[in-house]
Amino acid sequence: MNDERAARGVEHLQAAAMEMIAAARAFLDVVEDVVADPEKVADVVSAVGSVARDVGDAAKDAARSATRSAGGSPTGDPAHSDEGVQRIPVS
């Protein structure tokens, strides 16, 4: 490995770091605008609440579906259901 390649690598890393800093500044400017406006804050809180409700509903639906596909056993444990299970005696 030569010094020139190492120096170019450091330059690229510095440039990438500067781009990340610029992106963070732009993002913080947008966040500052949102926080400064009470209506925008209310919109964000409403959107987050809506997403949280949707995720909760999806989780409940997935749990119900998993229980049904497990044979409807009260515990949701497929080991308690004989549906789709072939028992093979071993002697």
Protein backbone atom coordinates (compact mmCIF):
# COMPACT_ATOMS: atom_id res chain seq x y z
CA MET A 1 0.00 0.00 0.00
CA ASN A 2 1.49 3.33 -0.98
CA ASP A 3 1.09 6.72 0.67
CA GLU A 4 -0.71 8.27 -2.31
CA ARG A 5 -3.51 5.67 -2.20
CA ALA A 6 -3.84 6.08 1.56
CA ALA A 7 -4.04 9.87 1.19
CA ARG A 8 -6.75 9.55 -1.48
CA GLY A 9 -8.67 7.22 0.82
CA VAL A 10 -8.50 9.76 3.65
CA GLU A 11 -9.64 12.52 1.28
CA HIS A 12 -12.67 10.46 0.26
CA LEU A 13 -13.53 9.78 3.88
CA GLN A 14 -13.24 13.48 4.70
CA ALA A 15 -15.48 14.39 1.76
CA ALA A 16 -18.04 11.80 2.84
CA ALA A 17 -17.97 13.12 6.40
CA MET A 18 -18.53 16.66 5.14
CA GLU A 19 -21.52 15.47 3.07
CA MET A 20 -22.97 13.72 6.12
CA ILE A 21 -22.57 16.92 8.15
CA ALA A 22 -24.29 18.95 5.42
CA ALA A 23 -27.14 16.43 5.26
CA ALA A 24 -27.53 16.54 9.05
CA ARG A 25 -27.66 20.34 8.98
CA ALA A 26 -30.34 20.31 6.28
CA PHE A 27 -32.35 17.75 8.25
CA LEU A 28 -32.05 19.82 11.44
CA ASP A 29 -33.24 22.91 9.55
CA VAL A 30 -36.39 21.04 8.53
CA VAL A 31 -36.90 19.72 12.07
CA GLU A 32 -36.48 23.26 13.43
CA ASP A 33 -39.19 24.52 11.04
CA VAL A 34 -41.55 21.74 12.12
CA VAL A 35 -40.95 22.28 15.84
CA ALA A 36 -41.46 26.04 15.50
CA ASP A 37 -44.95 25.57 14.02
CA PRO A 38 -47.54 24.12 16.46
CA GLU A 39 -49.79 22.97 13.60
CA LYS A 40 -46.93 21.00 12.05
CA VAL A 41 -46.14 19.43 15.43
CA ALA A 42 -49.79 18.37 15.76
CA ASP A 43 -49.69 16.87 12.25
CA VAL A 44 -46.54 14.90 13.07
CA VAL A 45 -47.98 13.62 16.36
CA SER A 46 -51.19 12.63 14.58
CA ALA A 47 -49.27 10.79 11.85
CA VAL A 48 -47.12 8.92 14.38
CA GLY A 49 -50.24 7.94 16.34
CA SER A 50 -51.91 6.69 13.17
CA VAL A 51 -48.89 4.59 12.23
CA ALA A 52 -48.74 3.17 15.76
CA ARG A 53 -52.42 2.18 15.59
CA ASP A 54 -51.92 0.57 12.18
CA VAL A 55 -48.93 -1.41 13.44
CA GLY A 56 -50.91 -2.54 16.48
CA ASP A 57 -53.83 -3.64 14.30
CA ALA A 58 -51.49 -5.51 11.96
CA ALA A 59 -49.86 -7.28 14.92
CA LYS A 60 -53.26 -8.34 16.27
CA ASP A 61 -54.31 -9.62 12.83
CA ALA A 62 -51.06 -11.57 12.50
CA ALA A 63 -51.54 -13.12 15.95
CA ARG A 64 -55.12 -14.16 15.08
CA SER A 65 -53.97 -15.60 11.78
CA ALA A 66 -51.16 -17.54 13.45
CA THR A 67 -53.61 -18.97 15.99
CA ARG A 68 -55.99 -20.07 13.22
CA SER A 69 -53.21 -21.65 11.16
CA ALA A 70 -51.97 -23.48 14.26
CA GLY A 71 -55.24 -25.39 14.36
CA GLY A 72 -57.09 -22.94 16.51
CA SER A 73 -55.67 -24.33 19.72
CA PRO A 74 -56.26 -22.02 22.65
CA THR A 75 -52.54 -21.75 23.29
CA GLY A 76 -51.65 -21.19 19.65
CA ASP A 77 -49.21 -24.10 19.98
CA PRO A 78 -49.24 -26.35 16.89
CA ALA A 79 -48.11 -29.27 19.09
CA HIS A 80 -51.62 -29.29 20.59
CA SER A 81 -53.29 -29.73 17.19
CA ASP A 82 -53.42 -32.95 15.18
CA GLU A 83 -54.44 -31.17 11.98
CA GLY A 84 -51.90 -31.91 9.25
CA VAL A 85 -49.78 -34.13 11.49
CA GLN A 86 -48.99 -37.69 10.52
CA ARG A 87 -47.98 -39.81 13.48
CA ILE A 88 -45.57 -42.63 12.68
CA PRO A 89 -45.15 -45.32 15.34
CA VAL A 90 -41.55 -46.24 16.02
CA SER A 91 -40.74 -49.62 17.52
